[in-house]
């Protein structure tokens, strides 16, 4: 993560908020307008050793998957095919313009990552 991303990460609450989602339970919504390619935030939390609620797994070619148990607002991201955001490692970026108040989503099955929630 670049220094400018670190600065933005500390202001995640200025960029996103949690609210009821029409997709599933709670969701993560844009507080401000985001443009294509804008850095949204970093999925923060301790390293995960197994699947669990809000665990994001990042796969790096030729290496083992690394998981984090989400502890910030990004843990409320919901799945949508062709979502409007995508991860590069644990950093989240806008894939499309995202309006203020719009839910931020990503494809749980897309590329080299996966988020799993316990079913019950």
N, C-alpha and C. Protein backbone atom coordinates (compact mmCIF):
# COMPACT_ATOMS: atom_id res chain seq x y z
N UNK A 1 0.84 -1.17 0.00
CA UNK A 1 0.00 0.00 0.00
C UNK A 1 0.89 1.24 0.00
N UNK A 2 0.53 2.21 -0.80
CA UNK A 2 1.33 3.43 -0.85
C UNK A 2 1.02 4.31 0.36
N UNK A 3 1.88 5.30 0.60
CA UNK A 3 1.65 6.22 1.72
C UNK A 3 0.31 6.92 1.59
N UNK A 4 -0.06 7.30 0.36
CA UNK A 4 -1.34 7.99 0.17
C UNK A 4 -2.50 7.05 0.49
N UNK A 5 -2.36 5.75 0.19
CA UNK A 5 -3.41 4.80 0.55
C UNK A 5 -3.52 4.67 2.06
N UNK A 6 -2.38 4.67 2.77
CA UNK A 6 -2.42 4.61 4.24
C UNK A 6 -3.20 5.79 4.80
N UNK A 7 -2.98 6.96 4.25
CA UNK A 7 -3.70 8.15 4.71
C UNK A 7 -5.19 8.01 4.46
N UNK A 8 -5.55 7.49 3.30
CA UNK A 8 -6.97 7.31 2.99
C UNK A 8 -7.59 6.23 3.86
N UNK A 9 -6.84 5.17 4.16
CA UNK A 9 -7.36 4.10 4.99
C UNK A 9 -7.77 4.61 6.36
N UNK A 10 -7.04 5.56 6.90
CA UNK A 10 -7.37 6.08 8.21
C UNK A 10 -8.66 6.89 8.17
N UNK A 11 -9.12 7.25 6.99
CA UNK A 11 -10.36 8.00 6.84
C UNK A 11 -11.45 7.16 6.20
N UNK A 12 -11.41 5.85 6.38
CA UNK A 12 -12.39 4.96 5.76
C UNK A 12 -13.82 5.39 6.09
N UNK A 13 -14.07 5.77 7.33
CA UNK A 13 -15.42 6.20 7.72
C UNK A 13 -15.87 7.48 6.99
N UNK A 14 -14.94 8.23 6.46
CA UNK A 14 -15.30 9.40 5.65
C UNK A 14 -15.72 8.99 4.25
N UNK A 15 -15.38 7.76 3.85
CA UNK A 15 -15.64 7.30 2.48
C UNK A 15 -16.78 6.30 2.39
N UNK A 16 -17.01 5.51 3.46
CA UNK A 16 -18.04 4.47 3.43
C UNK A 16 -18.81 4.44 4.75
N UNK A 17 -19.99 3.79 4.71
CA UNK A 17 -20.78 3.60 5.92
C UNK A 17 -21.55 2.29 5.82
N UNK A 18 -21.96 1.77 6.96
CA UNK A 18 -22.75 0.54 7.05
C UNK A 18 -24.23 0.92 7.10
N UNK A 19 -25.07 0.18 6.36
CA UNK A 19 -26.51 0.41 6.36
C UNK A 19 -27.21 -0.88 5.93
N UNK A 20 -28.53 -0.99 6.17
CA UNK A 20 -29.28 -2.16 5.70
C UNK A 20 -29.13 -2.29 4.18
N UNK A 21 -28.96 -3.54 3.73
CA UNK A 21 -28.73 -3.80 2.31
C UNK A 21 -29.91 -4.55 1.70
N UNK A 22 -30.33 -4.17 0.50
CA UNK A 22 -31.35 -4.95 -0.20
C UNK A 22 -30.80 -6.29 -0.71
N UNK A 23 -29.47 -6.44 -0.69
CA UNK A 23 -28.84 -7.69 -1.15
C UNK A 23 -28.83 -8.72 -0.03
N UNK A 24 -28.34 -8.31 1.15
CA UNK A 24 -28.23 -9.26 2.27
C UNK A 24 -27.85 -8.52 3.54
N UNK A 25 -28.70 -8.57 4.54
CA UNK A 25 -28.36 -8.03 5.86
C UNK A 25 -27.86 -6.60 5.81
N UNK A 26 -26.64 -6.39 6.29
CA UNK A 26 -26.00 -5.08 6.26
C UNK A 26 -25.08 -5.00 5.04
N UNK A 27 -24.88 -3.80 4.55
CA UNK A 27 -23.99 -3.59 3.42
C UNK A 27 -23.06 -2.43 3.68
N UNK A 28 -22.10 -2.27 2.80
CA UNK A 28 -21.12 -1.18 2.85
C UNK A 28 -21.47 -0.22 1.71
N UNK A 29 -21.72 1.05 2.05
CA UNK A 29 -22.19 2.03 1.09
C UNK A 29 -21.21 3.19 0.97
N UNK A 30 -21.17 3.78 -0.22
CA UNK A 30 -20.30 4.94 -0.46
C UNK A 30 -20.89 6.17 0.22
N UNK A 31 -20.09 6.86 1.00
CA UNK A 31 -20.50 8.12 1.63
C UNK A 31 -20.25 9.29 0.66
N UNK A 32 -19.30 9.09 -0.25
CA UNK A 32 -18.94 10.11 -1.24
C UNK A 32 -18.92 9.47 -2.62
N UNK A 33 -18.94 10.28 -3.67
CA UNK A 33 -18.82 9.76 -5.03
C UNK A 33 -17.40 9.23 -5.24
N UNK A 34 -17.33 8.05 -5.84
CA UNK A 34 -16.04 7.43 -6.13
C UNK A 34 -15.93 7.25 -7.64
N UNK A 35 -14.76 7.52 -8.18
CA UNK A 35 -14.51 7.38 -9.62
C UNK A 35 -13.79 6.07 -9.90
N UNK A 36 -13.87 5.62 -11.14
CA UNK A 36 -13.16 4.41 -11.56
C UNK A 36 -11.71 4.49 -11.12
N UNK A 37 -11.23 3.43 -10.46
CA UNK A 37 -9.84 3.37 -10.04
C UNK A 37 -9.55 3.98 -8.67
N UNK A 38 -10.54 4.67 -8.08
CA UNK A 38 -10.32 5.27 -6.76
C UNK A 38 -10.07 4.18 -5.72
N UNK A 39 -9.10 4.43 -4.87
CA UNK A 39 -8.84 3.57 -3.72
C UNK A 39 -9.96 3.82 -2.71
N UNK A 40 -10.59 2.72 -2.23
CA UNK A 40 -11.68 2.83 -1.27
C UNK A 40 -11.16 2.58 0.14
N UNK A 41 -10.38 1.53 0.31
CA UNK A 41 -9.87 1.20 1.63
C UNK A 41 -9.17 -0.14 1.61
N UNK A 42 -8.64 -0.52 2.76
CA UNK A 42 -7.93 -1.78 2.92
C UNK A 42 -8.71 -2.67 3.88
N UNK A 43 -8.88 -3.92 3.51
CA UNK A 43 -9.56 -4.90 4.35
C UNK A 43 -8.64 -5.21 5.53
N UNK A 44 -8.96 -4.64 6.68
CA UNK A 44 -8.11 -4.73 7.87
C UNK A 44 -8.59 -5.82 8.82
N UNK A 45 -7.65 -6.46 9.47
CA UNK A 45 -7.97 -7.45 10.48
C UNK A 45 -6.83 -8.42 10.66
N UNK A 46 -6.94 -9.25 11.69
CA UNK A 46 -5.88 -10.23 11.94
C UNK A 46 -5.87 -11.34 10.89
N UNK A 47 -4.72 -11.97 10.74
CA UNK A 47 -4.60 -13.09 9.81
C UNK A 47 -5.51 -14.22 10.26
N UNK A 48 -6.22 -14.82 9.30
CA UNK A 48 -7.12 -15.93 9.59
C UNK A 48 -6.40 -17.25 9.32
N UNK A 49 -6.69 -18.23 10.16
CA UNK A 49 -6.11 -19.56 9.97
C UNK A 49 -7.12 -20.53 9.37
N UNK A 50 -8.42 -20.14 9.42
CA UNK A 50 -9.47 -20.99 8.83
C UNK A 50 -10.64 -20.08 8.43
N UNK A 51 -11.55 -20.65 7.64
CA UNK A 51 -12.73 -19.91 7.21
C UNK A 51 -13.57 -19.49 8.40
N UNK A 52 -14.25 -18.40 8.24
CA UNK A 52 -15.14 -17.91 9.27
C UNK A 52 -15.89 -16.70 8.76
N UNK A 53 -16.69 -16.13 9.64
CA UNK A 53 -17.46 -14.95 9.27
C UNK A 53 -16.51 -13.82 8.89
N UNK A 54 -16.77 -13.20 7.76
CA UNK A 54 -16.03 -12.04 7.27
C UNK A 54 -14.55 -12.31 7.00
N UNK A 55 -14.23 -13.53 6.61
CA UNK A 55 -12.84 -13.83 6.23
C UNK A 55 -12.68 -13.61 4.74
N UNK A 56 -11.69 -12.80 4.38
CA UNK A 56 -11.34 -12.57 2.98
C UNK A 56 -10.06 -13.32 2.69
N UNK A 57 -10.10 -14.18 1.67
CA UNK A 57 -8.91 -14.93 1.26
C UNK A 57 -8.35 -14.31 -0.01
N UNK A 58 -7.07 -14.08 -0.03
CA UNK A 58 -6.38 -13.55 -1.20
C UNK A 58 -5.42 -14.62 -1.68
N UNK A 59 -5.55 -14.95 -2.96
CA UNK A 59 -4.67 -15.95 -3.57
C UNK A 59 -3.64 -15.25 -4.43
N UNK A 60 -2.39 -15.58 -4.19
CA UNK A 60 -1.30 -15.05 -4.99
C UNK A 60 -0.71 -16.23 -5.75
N UNK A 61 -0.60 -16.10 -7.06
CA UNK A 61 -0.11 -17.19 -7.89
C UNK A 61 1.19 -17.75 -7.36
N UNK A 62 1.23 -19.06 -7.18
CA UNK A 62 2.43 -19.73 -6.71
C UNK A 62 2.62 -19.69 -5.20
N UNK A 63 1.68 -19.11 -4.48
CA UNK A 63 1.78 -19.02 -3.02
C UNK A 63 0.49 -19.53 -2.38
N UNK A 64 0.55 -19.76 -1.08
CA UNK A 64 -0.66 -20.17 -0.35
C UNK A 64 -1.58 -18.98 -0.17
N UNK A 65 -2.89 -19.26 -0.06
CA UNK A 65 -3.86 -18.21 0.21
C UNK A 65 -3.61 -17.59 1.58
N UNK A 66 -3.85 -16.30 1.67
CA UNK A 66 -3.73 -15.58 2.92
C UNK A 66 -5.11 -15.03 3.26
N UNK A 67 -5.55 -15.26 4.49
CA UNK A 67 -6.87 -14.78 4.91
C UNK A 67 -6.77 -13.73 5.99
N UNK A 68 -7.75 -12.83 5.99
CA UNK A 68 -7.88 -11.84 7.06
C UNK A 68 -9.32 -11.86 7.56
N UNK A 69 -9.47 -11.78 8.87
CA UNK A 69 -10.79 -11.65 9.49
C UNK A 69 -11.11 -10.16 9.55
N UNK A 70 -12.07 -9.73 8.75
CA UNK A 70 -12.40 -8.31 8.64
C UNK A 70 -12.81 -7.68 9.95
N UNK A 71 -12.21 -6.52 10.25
CA UNK A 71 -12.52 -5.79 11.48
C UNK A 71 -12.95 -4.35 11.21
N UNK A 72 -12.95 -3.94 9.93
CA UNK A 72 -13.39 -2.58 9.64
C UNK A 72 -14.68 -2.63 8.79
N UNK A 73 -15.13 -1.49 8.33
CA UNK A 73 -16.41 -1.41 7.61
C UNK A 73 -16.44 -2.25 6.33
N UNK A 74 -15.29 -2.56 5.76
CA UNK A 74 -15.28 -3.35 4.52
C UNK A 74 -15.78 -4.78 4.75
N UNK A 75 -15.89 -5.22 6.00
CA UNK A 75 -16.41 -6.56 6.26
C UNK A 75 -17.88 -6.67 5.85
N UNK A 76 -18.54 -5.54 5.63
CA UNK A 76 -19.96 -5.56 5.24
C UNK A 76 -20.18 -5.55 3.73
N UNK A 77 -19.10 -5.71 2.96
CA UNK A 77 -19.26 -5.80 1.51
C UNK A 77 -20.08 -7.03 1.15
N UNK A 78 -21.00 -6.86 0.23
CA UNK A 78 -21.81 -7.98 -0.25
C UNK A 78 -21.40 -8.37 -1.66
N UNK A 79 -21.82 -9.59 -2.02
CA UNK A 79 -21.53 -10.14 -3.35
C UNK A 79 -22.50 -9.61 -4.39
N UNK A 80 -21.96 -9.35 -5.56
CA UNK A 80 -22.77 -9.09 -6.74
C UNK A 80 -21.92 -9.45 -7.94
N UNK A 81 -22.50 -10.24 -8.85
CA UNK A 81 -21.78 -10.52 -10.10
C UNK A 81 -21.43 -9.18 -10.74
N UNK A 82 -20.23 -9.06 -11.25
CA UNK A 82 -19.79 -7.81 -11.85
C UNK A 82 -19.96 -6.63 -10.90
N UNK A 83 -19.53 -6.82 -9.66
CA UNK A 83 -19.63 -5.76 -8.66
C UNK A 83 -18.95 -4.48 -9.10
N UNK A 84 -19.19 -3.41 -8.36
CA UNK A 84 -18.64 -2.11 -8.73
C UNK A 84 -17.27 -1.85 -8.10
N UNK A 85 -16.73 -2.83 -7.37
CA UNK A 85 -15.40 -2.69 -6.75
C UNK A 85 -14.65 -4.01 -6.88
N UNK A 86 -13.33 -3.94 -6.72
CA UNK A 86 -12.52 -5.16 -6.77
C UNK A 86 -11.29 -4.98 -5.89
N UNK A 87 -10.78 -6.10 -5.42
CA UNK A 87 -9.59 -6.09 -4.58
C UNK A 87 -8.33 -6.29 -5.39
N UNK A 88 -7.28 -5.62 -4.97
CA UNK A 88 -5.92 -5.87 -5.42
C UNK A 88 -5.19 -6.19 -4.13
N UNK A 89 -4.98 -7.48 -3.86
CA UNK A 89 -4.52 -7.89 -2.54
C UNK A 89 -5.65 -7.59 -1.56
N UNK A 90 -5.36 -6.87 -0.50
CA UNK A 90 -6.39 -6.50 0.47
C UNK A 90 -6.88 -5.06 0.27
N UNK A 91 -6.40 -4.40 -0.78
CA UNK A 91 -6.83 -3.03 -1.09
C UNK A 91 -8.01 -3.06 -2.05
N UNK A 92 -9.04 -2.27 -1.75
CA UNK A 92 -10.27 -2.24 -2.55
C UNK A 92 -10.29 -0.98 -3.41
N UNK A 93 -10.64 -1.16 -4.70
CA UNK A 93 -10.70 -0.07 -5.67
C UNK A 93 -12.03 -0.10 -6.40
N UNK A 94 -12.49 1.07 -6.84
CA UNK A 94 -13.72 1.17 -7.63
C UNK A 94 -13.47 0.65 -9.05
N UNK A 95 -14.33 -0.26 -9.50
CA UNK A 95 -14.28 -0.76 -10.88
C UNK A 95 -15.08 0.13 -11.82
N UNK A 96 -16.06 0.80 -11.26
CA UNK A 96 -16.96 1.71 -11.99
C UNK A 96 -17.14 2.94 -11.12
N UNK A 97 -17.70 3.99 -11.68
CA UNK A 97 -18.09 5.12 -10.85
C UNK A 97 -19.15 4.64 -9.86
N UNK A 98 -19.04 5.08 -8.61
CA UNK A 98 -19.97 4.69 -7.56
C UNK A 98 -20.53 5.98 -6.96
N UNK A 99 -21.85 6.10 -6.99
CA UNK A 99 -22.51 7.31 -6.48
C UNK A 99 -22.56 7.29 -4.96
N UNK A 100 -22.58 8.46 -4.36
CA UNK A 100 -22.78 8.56 -2.92
C UNK A 100 -24.12 7.89 -2.59
N UNK A 101 -24.12 7.04 -1.57
CA UNK A 101 -25.32 6.31 -1.18
C UNK A 101 -25.49 4.97 -1.86
N UNK A 102 -24.66 4.67 -2.86
CA UNK A 102 -24.73 3.39 -3.58
C UNK A 102 -23.99 2.31 -2.80
N UNK A 103 -24.55 1.10 -2.80
CA UNK A 103 -23.87 -0.01 -2.12
C UNK A 103 -22.64 -0.41 -2.91
N UNK A 104 -21.56 -0.67 -2.19
CA UNK A 104 -20.31 -1.13 -2.79
C UNK A 104 -20.31 -2.65 -2.73
N UNK A 105 -20.11 -3.28 -3.88
CA UNK A 105 -20.16 -4.74 -3.97
C UNK A 105 -18.97 -5.25 -4.77
N UNK A 106 -18.69 -6.54 -4.60
CA UNK A 106 -17.69 -7.18 -5.45
C UNK A 106 -18.08 -8.63 -5.65
N UNK A 107 -17.47 -9.26 -6.65
CA UNK A 107 -17.75 -10.64 -7.00
C UNK A 107 -16.91 -11.54 -6.10
N UNK A 108 -17.56 -12.21 -5.14
CA UNK A 108 -16.85 -13.10 -4.21
C UNK A 108 -16.06 -14.18 -4.96
N UNK A 109 -16.53 -14.56 -6.14
CA UNK A 109 -15.89 -15.65 -6.89
C UNK A 109 -14.94 -15.14 -7.95
N UNK A 110 -14.80 -13.84 -8.07
CA UNK A 110 -14.00 -13.27 -9.16
C UNK A 110 -12.51 -13.35 -8.90
N UNK A 111 -11.77 -13.73 -9.92
CA UNK A 111 -10.32 -13.68 -9.85
C UNK A 111 -9.73 -14.47 -8.71
N UNK A 112 -8.89 -13.80 -7.93
CA UNK A 112 -8.08 -14.50 -6.95
C UNK A 112 -8.49 -14.19 -5.51
N UNK A 113 -9.77 -14.15 -5.25
CA UNK A 113 -10.18 -13.86 -3.89
C UNK A 113 -11.54 -14.46 -3.58
N UNK A 114 -11.81 -14.52 -2.30
CA UNK A 114 -13.07 -15.09 -1.86
C UNK A 114 -13.38 -14.60 -0.45
N UNK A 115 -14.64 -14.30 -0.19
CA UNK A 115 -15.09 -14.01 1.17
C UNK A 115 -16.13 -15.05 1.51
N UNK A 116 -16.06 -15.57 2.70
CA UNK A 116 -17.04 -16.56 3.15
C UNK A 116 -17.64 -16.09 4.46
N UNK A 117 -18.95 -16.27 4.59
CA UNK A 117 -19.62 -15.99 5.86
C UNK A 117 -20.17 -17.30 6.37
N UNK A 118 -20.09 -17.52 7.69
CA UNK A 118 -20.71 -18.69 8.28
C UNK A 118 -22.20 -18.61 8.04
N UNK A 119 -22.82 -19.74 7.79
CA UNK A 119 -24.25 -19.76 7.50
C UNK A 119 -25.10 -19.69 8.75
N UNK A 120 -24.53 -19.94 9.89
CA UNK A 120 -25.47 -19.87 10.93
C UNK A 120 -25.04 -19.91 12.28
